[in-house]
Amino acid sequence: MQPETLNFFDKVYEVAKSIPYGRVTSYGAIANYLGAARSARMVGYAMNGSVGKDVPAHRVVNRNGLLTGKHHFDGTNLMQQLLESEGVKVKDNQVLDFDNVFWDPMKEL
């Protein structure tokens, strides 16, 4: 990977580490915050590579609240279990009450 890509990933990790317990954000919201509005997919790639970096990747979902990254977690429902352990309700791989648990880094950081 290019140094710019790694630098972007590090910035993504810093934003993700700021997501409060019991809240979620989206790949696109992180990309927007970093001034890379069309880079939601790159944020997803960063989340996939966050294993072992103490990044709460389970708190990052798609723009509709779907657990699209769940297959990158060990175990069948680990992403959902981690969210539920923080009080986030999930049904059919989707965060319930998404608007109320959504954390927008543009407004919060």
PDB file of N, CA and C in Angstrom:
ATOM      1  N   MET A   1       0.829  -1.195   0.000  1.00  0.00           N
ATOM      2  CA  MET A   1       0.000   0.000   0.000  1.00  0.00           C
ATOM      3  C   MET A   1       0.868   1.252   0.000  1.00  0.00           C
ATOM      4  N   GLN A   2       0.329   2.282  -0.569  1.00  0.00           N
ATOM      5  CA  GLN A   2       1.017   3.563  -0.625  1.00  0.00           C
ATOM      6  C   GLN A   2       1.022   4.224   0.753  1.00  0.00           C
ATOM      7  N   PRO A   3       2.037   5.042   1.048  1.00  0.00           N
ATOM      8  CA  PRO A   3       2.065   5.759   2.334  1.00  0.00           C
ATOM      9  C   PRO A   3       0.816   6.616   2.556  1.00  0.00           C
ATOM     10  N   GLU A   4       0.271   7.210   1.493  1.00  0.00           N
ATOM     11  CA  GLU A   4      -0.937   8.028   1.640  1.00  0.00           C
ATOM     12  C   GLU A   4      -2.102   7.170   2.139  1.00  0.00           C
ATOM     13  N   THR A   5      -2.180   5.943   1.642  1.00  0.00           N
ATOM     14  CA  THR A   5      -3.250   5.037   2.048  1.00  0.00           C
ATOM     15  C   THR A   5      -3.109   4.703   3.526  1.00  0.00           C
ATOM     16  N   LEU A   6      -1.893   4.380   3.952  1.00  0.00           N
ATOM     17  CA  LEU A   6      -1.677   4.053   5.355  1.00  0.00           C
ATOM     18  C   LEU A   6      -1.989   5.256   6.234  1.00  0.00           C
ATOM     19  N   ASN A   7      -1.609   6.440   5.803  1.00  0.00           N
ATOM     20  CA  ASN A   7      -1.905   7.639   6.557  1.00  0.00           C
ATOM     21  C   ASN A   7      -3.422   7.822   6.675  1.00  0.00           C
ATOM     22  N   PHE A   8      -4.156   7.588   5.585  1.00  0.00           N
ATOM     23  CA  PHE A   8      -5.611   7.686   5.610  1.00  0.00           C
ATOM     24  C   PHE A   8      -6.191   6.671   6.594  1.00  0.00           C
ATOM     25  N   PHE A   9      -5.677   5.450   6.561  1.00  0.00           N
ATOM     26  CA  PHE A   9      -6.153   4.419   7.477  1.00  0.00           C
ATOM     27  C   PHE A   9      -5.937   4.849   8.921  1.00  0.00           C
ATOM     28  N   ASP A  10      -4.769   5.409   9.222  1.00  0.00           N
ATOM     29  CA  ASP A  10      -4.501   5.871  10.593  1.00  0.00           C
ATOM     30  C   ASP A  10      -5.503   6.946  11.008  1.00  0.00           C
ATOM     31  N   LYS A  11      -5.846   7.834  10.099  1.00  0.00           N
ATOM     32  CA  LYS A  11      -6.839   8.878  10.399  1.00  0.00           C
ATOM     33  C   LYS A  11      -8.207   8.248  10.653  1.00  0.00           C
ATOM     34  N   VAL A  12      -8.552   7.247   9.858  1.00  0.00           N
ATOM     35  CA  VAL A  12      -9.816   6.530  10.056  1.00  0.00           C
ATOM     36  C   VAL A  12      -9.835   5.896  11.448  1.00  0.00           C
ATOM     37  N   TYR A  13      -8.728   5.267  11.834  1.00  0.00           N
ATOM     38  CA  TYR A  13      -8.668   4.615  13.143  1.00  0.00           C
ATOM     39  C   TYR A  13      -8.835   5.627  14.276  1.00  0.00           C
ATOM     40  N   GLU A  14      -8.249   6.804  14.127  1.00  0.00           N
ATOM     41  CA  GLU A  14      -8.380   7.831  15.169  1.00  0.00           C
ATOM     42  C   GLU A  14      -9.842   8.263  15.321  1.00  0.00           C
ATOM     43  N   VAL A  15     -10.543   8.436  14.207  1.00  0.00           N
ATOM     44  CA  VAL A  15     -11.958   8.801  14.274  1.00  0.00           C
ATOM     45  C   VAL A  15     -12.756   7.661  14.907  1.00  0.00           C
ATOM     46  N   ALA A  16     -12.506   6.434  14.474  1.00  0.00           N
ATOM     47  CA  ALA A  16     -13.242   5.283  14.992  1.00  0.00           C
ATOM     48  C   ALA A  16     -13.028   5.132  16.498  1.00  0.00           C
ATOM     49  N   LYS A  17     -11.839   5.421  16.983  1.00  0.00           N
ATOM     50  CA  LYS A  17     -11.557   5.324  18.418  1.00  0.00           C
ATOM     51  C   LYS A  17     -12.344   6.368  19.208  1.00  0.00           C
ATOM     52  N   SER A  18     -12.849   7.385  18.537  1.00  0.00           N
ATOM     53  CA  SER A  18     -13.619   8.446  19.203  1.00  0.00           C
ATOM     54  C   SER A  18     -15.109   8.131  19.308  1.00  0.00           C
ATOM     55  N   ILE A  19     -15.562   7.086  18.612  1.00  0.00           N
ATOM     56  CA  ILE A  19     -16.988   6.739  18.648  1.00  0.00           C
ATOM     57  C   ILE A  19     -17.348   6.321  20.075  1.00  0.00           C
ATOM     58  N   PRO A  20     -18.299   6.987  20.684  1.00  0.00           N
ATOM     59  CA  PRO A  20     -18.643   6.653  22.070  1.00  0.00           C
ATOM     60  C   PRO A  20     -19.242   5.251  22.212  1.00  0.00           C
ATOM     61  N   TYR A  21     -19.042   4.693  23.372  1.00  0.00           N
ATOM     62  CA  TYR A  21     -19.637   3.411  23.759  1.00  0.00           C
ATOM     63  C   TYR A  21     -21.152   3.510  23.564  1.00  0.00           C
ATOM     64  N   GLY A  22     -21.734   2.493  22.933  1.00  0.00           N
ATOM     65  CA  GLY A  22     -23.180   2.457  22.736  1.00  0.00           C
ATOM     66  C   GLY A  22     -23.682   3.294  21.571  1.00  0.00           C
ATOM     67  N   ARG A  23     -22.785   3.762  20.735  1.00  0.00           N
ATOM     68  CA  ARG A  23     -23.158   4.567  19.567  1.00  0.00           C
ATOM     69  C   ARG A  23     -22.532   3.928  18.328  1.00  0.00           C
ATOM     70  N   VAL A  24     -23.037   4.303  17.159  1.00  0.00           N
ATOM     71  CA  VAL A  24     -22.478   3.820  15.892  1.00  0.00           C
ATOM     72  C   VAL A  24     -22.327   5.000  14.941  1.00  0.00           C
ATOM     73  N   THR A  25     -21.481   4.809  13.947  1.00  0.00           N
ATOM     74  CA  THR A  25     -21.375   5.774  12.857  1.00  0.00           C
ATOM     75  C   THR A  25     -21.280   4.984  11.566  1.00  0.00           C
ATOM     76  N   SER A  26     -21.198   5.696  10.451  1.00  0.00           N
ATOM     77  CA  SER A  26     -21.146   5.019   9.156  1.00  0.00           C
ATOM     78  C   SER A  26     -19.796   5.248   8.484  1.00  0.00           C
ATOM     79  N   TYR A  27     -19.503   4.390   7.527  1.00  0.00           N
ATOM     80  CA  TYR A  27     -18.279   4.536   6.742  1.00  0.00           C
ATOM     81  C   TYR A  27     -18.256   5.911   6.078  1.00  0.00           C
ATOM     82  N   GLY A  28     -19.393   6.304   5.523  1.00  0.00           N
ATOM     83  CA  GLY A  28     -19.493   7.584   4.833  1.00  0.00           C
ATOM     84  C   GLY A  28     -19.310   8.771   5.753  1.00  0.00           C
ATOM     85  N   ALA A  29     -19.823   8.676   6.981  1.00  0.00           N
ATOM     86  CA  ALA A  29     -19.673   9.781   7.938  1.00  0.00           C
ATOM     87  C   ALA A  29     -18.204   9.989   8.284  1.00  0.00           C
ATOM     88  N   ILE A  30     -17.468   8.903   8.428  1.00  0.00           N
ATOM     89  CA  ILE A  30     -16.026   9.014   8.700  1.00  0.00           C
ATOM     90  C   ILE A  30     -15.325   9.619   7.490  1.00  0.00           C
ATOM     91  N   ALA A  31     -15.662   9.142   6.298  1.00  0.00           N
ATOM     92  CA  ALA A  31     -15.053   9.677   5.073  1.00  0.00           C
ATOM     93  C   ALA A  31     -15.339  11.174   4.947  1.00  0.00           C
ATOM     94  N   ASN A  32     -16.576  11.580   5.180  1.00  0.00           N
ATOM     95  CA  ASN A  32     -16.936  13.004   5.113  1.00  0.00           C
ATOM     96  C   ASN A  32     -16.112  13.816   6.096  1.00  0.00           C
ATOM     97  N   TYR A  33     -15.985  13.321   7.302  1.00  0.00           N
ATOM     98  CA  TYR A  33     -15.229  14.024   8.328  1.00  0.00           C
ATOM     99  C   TYR A  33     -13.777  14.230   7.904  1.00  0.00           C
ATOM    100  N   LEU A  34     -13.232  13.244   7.219  1.00  0.00           N
ATOM    101  CA  LEU A  34     -11.831  13.310   6.787  1.00  0.00           C
ATOM    102  C   LEU A  34     -11.662  14.080   5.475  1.00  0.00           C
ATOM    103  N   GLY A  35     -12.752  14.656   4.967  1.00  0.00           N
ATOM    104  CA  GLY A  35     -12.662  15.434   3.732  1.00  0.00           C
ATOM    105  C   GLY A  35     -12.539  14.579   2.486  1.00  0.00           C
ATOM    106  N   ALA A  36     -12.974  13.335   2.587  1.00  0.00           N
ATOM    107  CA  ALA A  36     -12.890  12.396   1.471  1.00  0.00           C
ATOM    108  C   ALA A  36     -14.270  11.783   1.248  1.00  0.00           C
ATOM    109  N   ALA A  37     -15.230  12.635   0.937  1.00  0.00           N
ATOM    110  CA  ALA A  37     -16.644  12.252   0.897  1.00  0.00           C
ATOM    111  C   ALA A  37     -16.948  11.011   0.061  1.00  0.00           C
ATOM    112  N   ARG A  38     -16.177  10.763  -0.960  1.00  0.00           N
ATOM    113  CA  ARG A  38     -16.458   9.624  -1.838  1.00  0.00           C
ATOM    114  C   ARG A  38     -15.619   8.391  -1.488  1.00  0.00           C
ATOM    115  N   SER A  39     -15.098   8.361  -0.283  1.00  0.00           N
ATOM    116  CA  SER A  39     -14.181   7.287   0.102  1.00  0.00           C
ATOM    117  C   SER A  39     -14.724   6.358   1.182  1.00  0.00           C
ATOM    118  N   ALA A  40     -16.040   6.197   1.236  1.00  0.00           N
ATOM    119  CA  ALA A  40     -16.629   5.303   2.237  1.00  0.00           C
ATOM    120  C   ALA A  40     -16.061   3.891   2.112  1.00  0.00           C
ATOM    121  N   ARG A  41     -15.847   3.448   0.900  1.00  0.00           N
ATOM    122  CA  ARG A  41     -15.316   2.098   0.693  1.00  0.00           C
ATOM    123  C   ARG A  41     -13.900   1.973   1.264  1.00  0.00           C
ATOM    124  N   MET A  42     -13.096   3.023   1.126  1.00  0.00           N
ATOM    125  CA  MET A  42     -11.746   3.001   1.701  1.00  0.00           C
ATOM    126  C   MET A  42     -11.816   2.926   3.226  1.00  0.00           C
ATOM    127  N   VAL A  43     -12.804   3.586   3.819  1.00  0.00           N
ATOM    128  CA  VAL A  43     -12.994   3.496   5.264  1.00  0.00           C
ATOM    129  C   VAL A  43     -13.305   2.042   5.626  1.00  0.00           C
ATOM    130  N   GLY A  44     -14.111   1.386   4.810  1.00  0.00           N
ATOM    131  CA  GLY A  44     -14.399  -0.031   5.023  1.00  0.00           C
ATOM    132  C   GLY A  44     -13.141  -0.882   4.953  1.00  0.00           C
ATOM    133  N   TYR A  45     -12.289  -0.600   3.976  1.00  0.00           N
ATOM    134  CA  TYR A  45     -11.022  -1.334   3.879  1.00  0.00           C
ATOM    135  C   TYR A  45     -10.174  -1.107   5.134  1.00  0.00           C
ATOM    136  N   ALA A  46     -10.187   0.125   5.631  1.00  0.00           N
ATOM    137  CA  ALA A  46      -9.442   0.428   6.855  1.00  0.00           C
ATOM    138  C   ALA A  46      -9.992  -0.384   8.023  1.00  0.00           C
ATOM    139  N   MET A  47     -11.312  -0.448   8.129  1.00  0.00           N
ATOM    140  CA  MET A  47     -11.923  -1.213   9.221  1.00  0.00           C
ATOM    141  C   MET A  47     -11.542  -2.685   9.121  1.00  0.00           C
ATOM    142  N   ASN A  48     -11.500  -3.211   7.903  1.00  0.00           N
ATOM    143  CA  ASN A  48     -11.106  -4.613   7.712  1.00  0.00           C
ATOM    144  C   ASN A  48      -9.685  -4.856   8.199  1.00  0.00           C
ATOM    145  N   GLY A  49      -8.843  -3.838   8.091  1.00  0.00           N
ATOM    146  CA  GLY A  49      -7.440  -3.973   8.488  1.00  0.00           C
ATOM    147  C   GLY A  49      -7.160  -3.524   9.911  1.00  0.00           C
ATOM    148  N   SER A  50      -8.203  -3.325  10.697  1.00  0.00           N
ATOM    149  CA  SER A  50      -8.010  -2.766  12.042  1.00  0.00           C
ATOM    150  C   SER A  50      -7.790  -3.807  13.128  1.00  0.00           C
ATOM    151  N   VAL A  51      -7.781  -5.067  12.754  1.00  0.00           N
ATOM    152  CA  VAL A  51      -7.610  -6.138  13.745  1.00  0.00           C
ATOM    153  C   VAL A  51      -6.298  -5.935  14.503  1.00  0.00           C
ATOM    154  N   GLY A  52      -6.371  -5.989  15.826  1.00  0.00           N
ATOM    155  CA  GLY A  52      -5.183  -5.851  16.658  1.00  0.00           C
ATOM    156  C   GLY A  52      -4.756  -4.414  16.894  1.00  0.00           C
ATOM    157  N   LYS A  53      -5.551  -3.445  16.436  1.00  0.00           N
ATOM    158  CA  LYS A  53      -5.187  -2.038  16.592  1.00  0.00           C
ATOM    159  C   LYS A  53      -6.046  -1.326  17.641  1.00  0.00           C
ATOM    160  N   ASP A  54      -6.806  -2.055  18.423  1.00  0.00           N
ATOM    161  CA  ASP A  54      -7.664  -1.483  19.461  1.00  0.00           C
ATOM    162  C   ASP A  54      -8.628  -0.445  18.883  1.00  0.00           C
ATOM    163  N   VAL A  55      -9.231  -0.800  17.756  1.00  0.00           N
ATOM    164  CA  VAL A  55     -10.199   0.061  17.074  1.00  0.00           C
ATOM    165  C   VAL A  55     -11.580  -0.590  17.214  1.00  0.00           C
ATOM    166  N   PRO A  56     -12.586   0.148  17.679  1.00  0.00           N
ATOM    167  CA  PRO A  56     -13.929  -0.431  17.821  1.00  0.00           C
ATOM    168  C   PRO A  56     -14.658  -0.500  16.469  1.00  0.00           C
ATOM    169  N   ALA A  57     -14.147  -1.332  15.592  1.00  0.00           N
ATOM    170  CA  ALA A  57     -14.695  -1.440  14.235  1.00  0.00           C
ATOM    171  C   ALA A  57     -16.151  -1.883  14.231  1.00  0.00           C
ATOM    172  N   HIS A  58     -16.591  -2.547  15.298  1.00  0.00           N
ATOM    173  CA  HIS A  58     -17.982  -3.009  15.368  1.00  0.00           C
ATOM    174  C   HIS A  58     -18.952  -1.831  15.413  1.00  0.00           C
ATOM    175  N   ARG A  59     -18.478  -0.649  15.730  1.00  0.00           N
ATOM    176  CA  ARG A  59     -19.337   0.535  15.817  1.00  0.00           C
ATOM    177  C   ARG A  59     -19.484   1.256  14.488  1.00  0.00           C
ATOM    178  N   VAL A  60     -18.908   0.708  13.423  1.00  0.00           N
ATOM    179  CA  VAL A  60     -19.000   1.333  12.098  1.00  0.00           C
ATOM    180  C   VAL A  60     -19.871   0.450  11.215  1.00  0.00           C
ATOM    181  N   VAL A  61     -20.964   1.024  10.734  1.00  0.00           N
ATOM    182  CA  VAL A  61     -21.953   0.299   9.929  1.00  0.00           C
ATOM    183  C   VAL A  61     -22.198   1.076   8.631  1.00  0.00           C
ATOM    184  N   ASN A  62     -23.050   0.558   7.774  1.00  0.00           N
ATOM    185  CA  ASN A  62     -23.305   1.299   6.546  1.00  0.00           C
ATOM    186  C   ASN A  62     -24.320   2.413   6.797  1.00  0.00           C
ATOM    187  N   ARG A  63     -24.593   3.199   5.793  1.00  0.00           N
ATOM    188  CA  ARG A  63     -25.422   4.410   5.961  1.00  0.00           C
ATOM    189  C   ARG A  63     -26.861   4.117   6.355  1.00  0.00           C
ATOM    190  N   ASN A  64     -27.280   2.860   6.213  1.00  0.00           N
ATOM    191  CA  ASN A  64     -28.633   2.462   6.613  1.00  0.00           C
ATOM    192  C   ASN A  64     -28.650   1.709   7.942  1.00  0.00           C
ATOM    193  N   GLY A  65     -27.491   1.612   8.568  1.00  0.00           N
ATOM    194  CA  GLY A  65     -27.411   0.902   9.839  1.00  0.00           C
ATOM    195  C   GLY A  65     -27.216  -0.590   9.709  1.00  0.00           C
ATOM    196  N   LEU A  66     -26.913  -1.059   8.512  1.00  0.00           N
ATOM    197  CA  LEU A  66     -26.696  -2.496   8.307  1.00  0.00           C
ATOM    198  C   LEU A  66     -25.289  -2.904   8.726  1.00  0.00           C
ATOM    199  N   LEU A  67     -25.180  -4.087   9.301  1.00  0.00           N
ATOM    200  CA  LEU A  67     -23.887  -4.615   9.736  1.00  0.00           C
ATOM    201  C   LEU A  67     -23.164  -5.247   8.552  1.00  0.00           C
ATOM    202  N   THR A  68     -22.809  -4.443   7.584  1.00  0.00           N
ATOM    203  CA  THR A  68     -22.213  -4.956   6.352  1.00  0.00           C
ATOM    204  C   THR A  68     -20.811  -5.525   6.570  1.00  0.00           C
ATOM    205  N   GLY A  69     -20.139  -5.136   7.646  1.00  0.00           N
ATOM    206  CA  GLY A  69     -18.794  -5.641   7.905  1.00  0.00           C
ATOM    207  C   GLY A  69     -18.748  -6.848   8.809  1.00  0.00           C
ATOM    208  N   LYS A  70     -19.906  -7.413   9.133  1.00  0.00           N
ATOM    209  CA  LYS A  70     -19.954  -8.483  10.135  1.00  0.00           C
ATOM    210  C   LYS A  70     -19.154  -9.724   9.752  1.00  0.00           C
ATOM    211  N   HIS A  71     -19.007  -9.989   8.463  1.00  0.00           N
ATOM    212  CA  HIS A  71     -18.271 -11.190   8.057  1.00  0.00           C
ATOM    213  C   HIS A  71     -16.760 -11.056   8.283  1.00  0.00           C
ATOM    214  N   HIS A  72     -16.299  -9.869   8.673  1.00  0.00           N
ATOM    215  CA  HIS A  72     -14.879  -9.681   8.971  1.00  0.00           C
ATOM    216  C   HIS A  72     -14.563  -9.916  10.450  1.00  0.00           C
ATOM    217  N   PHE A  73     -15.583 -10.250  11.227  1.00  0.00           N
ATOM    218  CA  PHE A  73     -15.399 -10.534  12.643  1.00  0.00           C
ATOM    219  C   PHE A  73     -15.399 -12.034  12.862  1.00  0.00           C
ATOM    220  N   ASP A  74     -14.565 -12.494  13.815  1.00  0.00           N
ATOM    221  CA  ASP A  74     -14.559 -13.916  14.159  1.00  0.00           C
ATOM    222  C   ASP A  74     -15.913 -14.291  14.744  1.00  0.00           C
ATOM    223  N   GLY A  75     -16.337 -15.498  14.494  1.00  0.00           N
ATOM    224  CA  GLY A  75     -17.617 -15.956  15.023  1.00  0.00           C
ATOM    225  C   GLY A  75     -18.760 -15.529  14.125  1.00  0.00           C
ATOM    226  N   THR A  76     -19.892 -16.135  14.334  1.00  0.00           N
ATOM    227  CA  THR A  76     -21.041 -15.910  13.478  1.00  0.00           C
ATOM    228  C   THR A  76     -21.670 -14.548  13.671  1.00  0.00           C
ATOM    229  N   ASN A  77     -21.860 -14.140  14.914  1.00  0.00           N
ATOM    230  CA  ASN A  77     -22.558 -12.884  15.200  1.00  0.00           C
ATOM    231  C   ASN A  77     -21.769 -11.971  16.125  1.00  0.00           C
ATOM    232  N   LEU A  78     -20.442 -12.000  16.046  1.00  0.00           N
ATOM    233  CA  LEU A  78     -19.634 -11.238  16.992  1.00  0.00           C
ATOM    234  C   LEU A  78     -19.893  -9.730  16.896  1.00  0.00           C
ATOM    235  N   MET A  79     -20.020  -9.191  15.700  1.00  0.00           N
ATOM    236  CA  MET A  79     -20.263  -7.751  15.559  1.00  0.00           C
ATOM    237  C   MET A  79     -21.563  -7.369  16.270  1.00  0.00           C
ATOM    238  N   GLN A  80     -22.612  -8.147  16.030  1.00  0.00           N
ATOM    239  CA  GLN A  80     -23.899  -7.896  16.669  1.00  0.00           C
ATOM    240  C   GLN A  80     -23.782  -8.049  18.186  1.00  0.00           C
ATOM    241  N   GLN A  81     -23.090  -9.077  18.642  1.00  0.00           N
ATOM    242  CA  GLN A  81     -22.949  -9.310  20.076  1.00  0.00           C
ATOM    243  C   GLN A  81     -22.213  -8.150  20.751  1.00  0.00           C
ATOM    244  N   LEU A  82     -21.180  -7.632  20.097  1.00  0.00           N
ATOM    245  CA  LEU A  82     -20.435  -6.505  20.668  1.00  0.00           C
ATOM    246  C   LEU A  82     -21.326  -5.271  20.773  1.00  0.00           C
ATOM    247  N   LEU A  83     -22.103  -5.014  19.730  1.00  0.00           N
ATOM    248  CA  LEU A  83     -23.013  -3.860  19.762  1.00  0.00           C
ATOM    249  C   LEU A  83     -24.069  -4.036  20.845  1.00  0.00           C
ATOM    250  N   GLU A  84     -24.644  -5.212  20.912  1.00  0.00           N
ATOM    251  CA  GLU A  84     -25.691  -5.469  21.907  1.00  0.00           C
ATOM    252  C   GLU A  84     -25.138  -5.380  23.327  1.00  0.00           C
ATOM    253  N   SER A  85     -23.878  -5.761  23.522  1.00  0.00           N
ATOM    254  CA  SER A  85     -23.278  -5.660  24.849  1.00  0.00           C
ATOM    255  C   SER A  85     -23.129  -4.201  25.281  1.00  0.00           C
ATOM    256  N   GLU A  86     -23.187  -3.284  24.306  1.00  0.00           N
ATOM    257  CA  GLU A  86     -23.113  -1.848  24.588  1.00  0.00           C
ATOM    258  C   GLU A  86     -24.506  -1.212  24.626  1.00  0.00           C
ATOM    259  N   GLY A  87     -25.533  -2.039  24.486  1.00  0.00           N
ATOM    260  CA  GLY A  87     -26.900  -1.528  24.549  1.00  0.00           C
ATOM    261  C   GLY A  87     -27.504  -1.143  23.216  1.00  0.00           C
ATOM    262  N   VAL A  88     -26.792  -1.384  22.122  1.00  0.00           N
ATOM    263  CA  VAL A  88     -27.321  -1.093  20.786  1.00  0.00           C
ATOM    264  C   VAL A  88     -28.178  -2.272  20.354  1.00  0.00           C
ATOM    265  N   LYS A  89     -29.412  -2.004  19.999  1.00  0.00           N
ATOM    266  CA  LYS A  89     -30.323  -3.068  19.584  1.00  0.00           C
ATOM    267  C   LYS A  89     -30.145  -3.338  18.088  1.00  0.00           C
ATOM    268  N   VAL A  90     -30.065  -4.625  17.753  1.00  0.00           N
ATOM    269  CA  VAL A  90     -29.858  -5.057  16.372  1.00  0.00           C
ATOM    270  C   VAL A  90     -30.872  -6.139  16.051  1.00  0.00           C
ATOM    271  N   LYS A  91     -31.500  -6.029  14.900  1.00  0.00           N
ATOM    272  CA  LYS A  91     -32.423  -7.063  14.438  1.00  0.00           C
ATOM    273  C   LYS A  91     -32.215  -7.257  12.953  1.00  0.00           C
ATOM    274  N   ASP A  92     -32.114  -8.513  12.532  1.00  0.00           N
ATOM    275  CA  ASP A  92     -31.894  -8.845  11.119  1.00  0.00           C
ATOM    276  C   ASP A  92     -30.707  -8.079  10.537  1.00  0.00           C
ATOM    277  N   ASN A  93     -29.602  -8.058  11.290  1.00  0.00           N
ATOM    278  CA  ASN A  93     -28.357  -7.414  10.867  1.00  0.00           C
ATOM    279  C   ASN A  93     -28.473  -5.912  10.667  1.00  0.00           C
ATOM    280  N   GLN A  94     -29.432  -5.274  11.331  1.00  0.00           N
ATOM    281  CA  GLN A  94     -29.613  -3.833  11.196  1.00  0.00           C
ATOM    282  C   GLN A  94     -29.775  -3.197  12.576  1.00  0.00           C
ATOM    283  N   VAL A  95     -29.103  -2.064  12.761  1.00  0.00           N
ATOM    284  CA  VAL A  95     -29.214  -1.317  14.014  1.00  0.00           C
ATOM    285  C   VAL A  95     -30.615  -0.721  14.094  1.00  0.00           C
ATOM    286  N   LEU A  96     -31.299  -1.009  15.198  1.00  0.00           N
ATOM    287  CA  LEU A  96     -32.623  -0.430  15.424  1.00  0.00           C
ATOM    288  C   LEU A  96     -32.447   0.959  16.032  1.00  0.00           C
ATOM    289  N   ASP A  97     -33.407   1.824  15.799  1.00  0.00           N
ATOM    290  CA  ASP A  97     -33.344   3.185  16.331  1.00  0.00           C
ATOM    291  C   ASP A  97     -32.048   3.873  15.891  1.00  0.00           C
ATOM    292  N   PHE A  98     -31.679   3.632  14.639  1.00  0.00           N
ATOM    293  CA  PHE A  98     -30.406   4.096  14.075  1.00  0.00           C
ATOM    294  C   PHE A  98     -30.206   5.596  14.253  1.00  0.00           C
ATOM    295  N   ASP A  99     -31.233   6.386  14.018  1.00  0.00           N
ATOM    296  CA  ASP A  99     -31.100   7.845  14.121  1.00  0.00           C
ATOM    297  C   ASP A  99     -30.691   8.287  15.530  1.00  0.00           C
ATOM    298  N   ASN A 100     -31.154   7.571  16.537  1.00  0.00           N
ATOM    299  CA  ASN A 100     -30.836   7.962  17.917  1.00  0.00           C
ATOM    300  C   ASN A 100     -29.481   7.468  18.410  1.00  0.00           C
ATOM    301  N   VAL A 101     -28.952   6.408  17.828  1.00  0.00           N
ATOM    302  CA  VAL A 101     -27.638   5.917  18.261  1.00  0.00           C
ATOM    303  C   VAL A 101     -26.527   6.345  17.303  1.00  0.00           C
ATOM    304  N   PHE A 102     -26.917   7.015  16.203  1.00  0.00           N
ATOM    305  CA  PHE A 102     -25.924   7.457  15.220  1.00  0.00           C
ATOM    306  C   PHE A 102     -25.076   8.589  15.793  1.00  0.00           C
ATOM    307  N   TRP A 103     -23.777   8.476  15.629  1.00  0.00           N
ATOM    308  CA  TRP A 103     -22.812   9.482  16.074  1.00  0.00           C
ATOM    309  C   TRP A 103     -22.159  10.074  14.832  1.00  0.00           C
ATOM    310  N   ASP A 104     -22.278  11.381  14.663  1.00  0.00           N
ATOM    311  CA  ASP A 104     -21.741  12.071  13.493  1.00  0.00           C
ATOM    312  C   ASP A 104     -20.454  12.784  13.882  1.00  0.00           C
ATOM    313  N   PRO A 105     -19.298  12.337  13.385  1.00  0.00           N
ATOM    314  CA  PRO A 105     -18.050  12.996  13.754  1.00  0.00           C
ATOM    315  C   PRO A 105     -17.998  14.474  13.339  1.00  0.00           C
ATOM    316  N   MET A 106     -18.734  14.862  12.314  1.00  0.00           N
ATOM    317  CA  MET A 106     -18.747  16.269  11.888  1.00  0.00           C
ATOM    318  C   MET A 106     -19.350  17.160  12.979  1.00  0.00           C
ATOM    319  N   LYS A 107     -20.263  16.602  13.743  1.00  0.00           N
ATOM    320  CA  LYS A 107     -20.933  17.379  14.796  1.00  0.00           C
ATOM    321  C   LYS A 107     -20.305  17.158  16.167  1.00  0.00           C
ATOM    322  N   GLU A 108     -19.634  16.022  16.338  1.00  0.00           N
ATOM    323  CA  GLU A 108     -19.169  15.633  17.675  1.00  0.00           C
ATOM    324  C   GLU A 108     -17.676  15.841  17.899  1.00  0.00           C
ATOM    325  N   LEU A 109     -16.897  15.909  16.841  1.00  0.00           N
ATOM    326  CA  LEU A 109     -15.427  16.071  17.023  1.00  0.00           C
ATOM    327  C   LEU A 109     -15.009  17.491  16.733  1.00  0.00           C
TER     328      LEU A 109
END
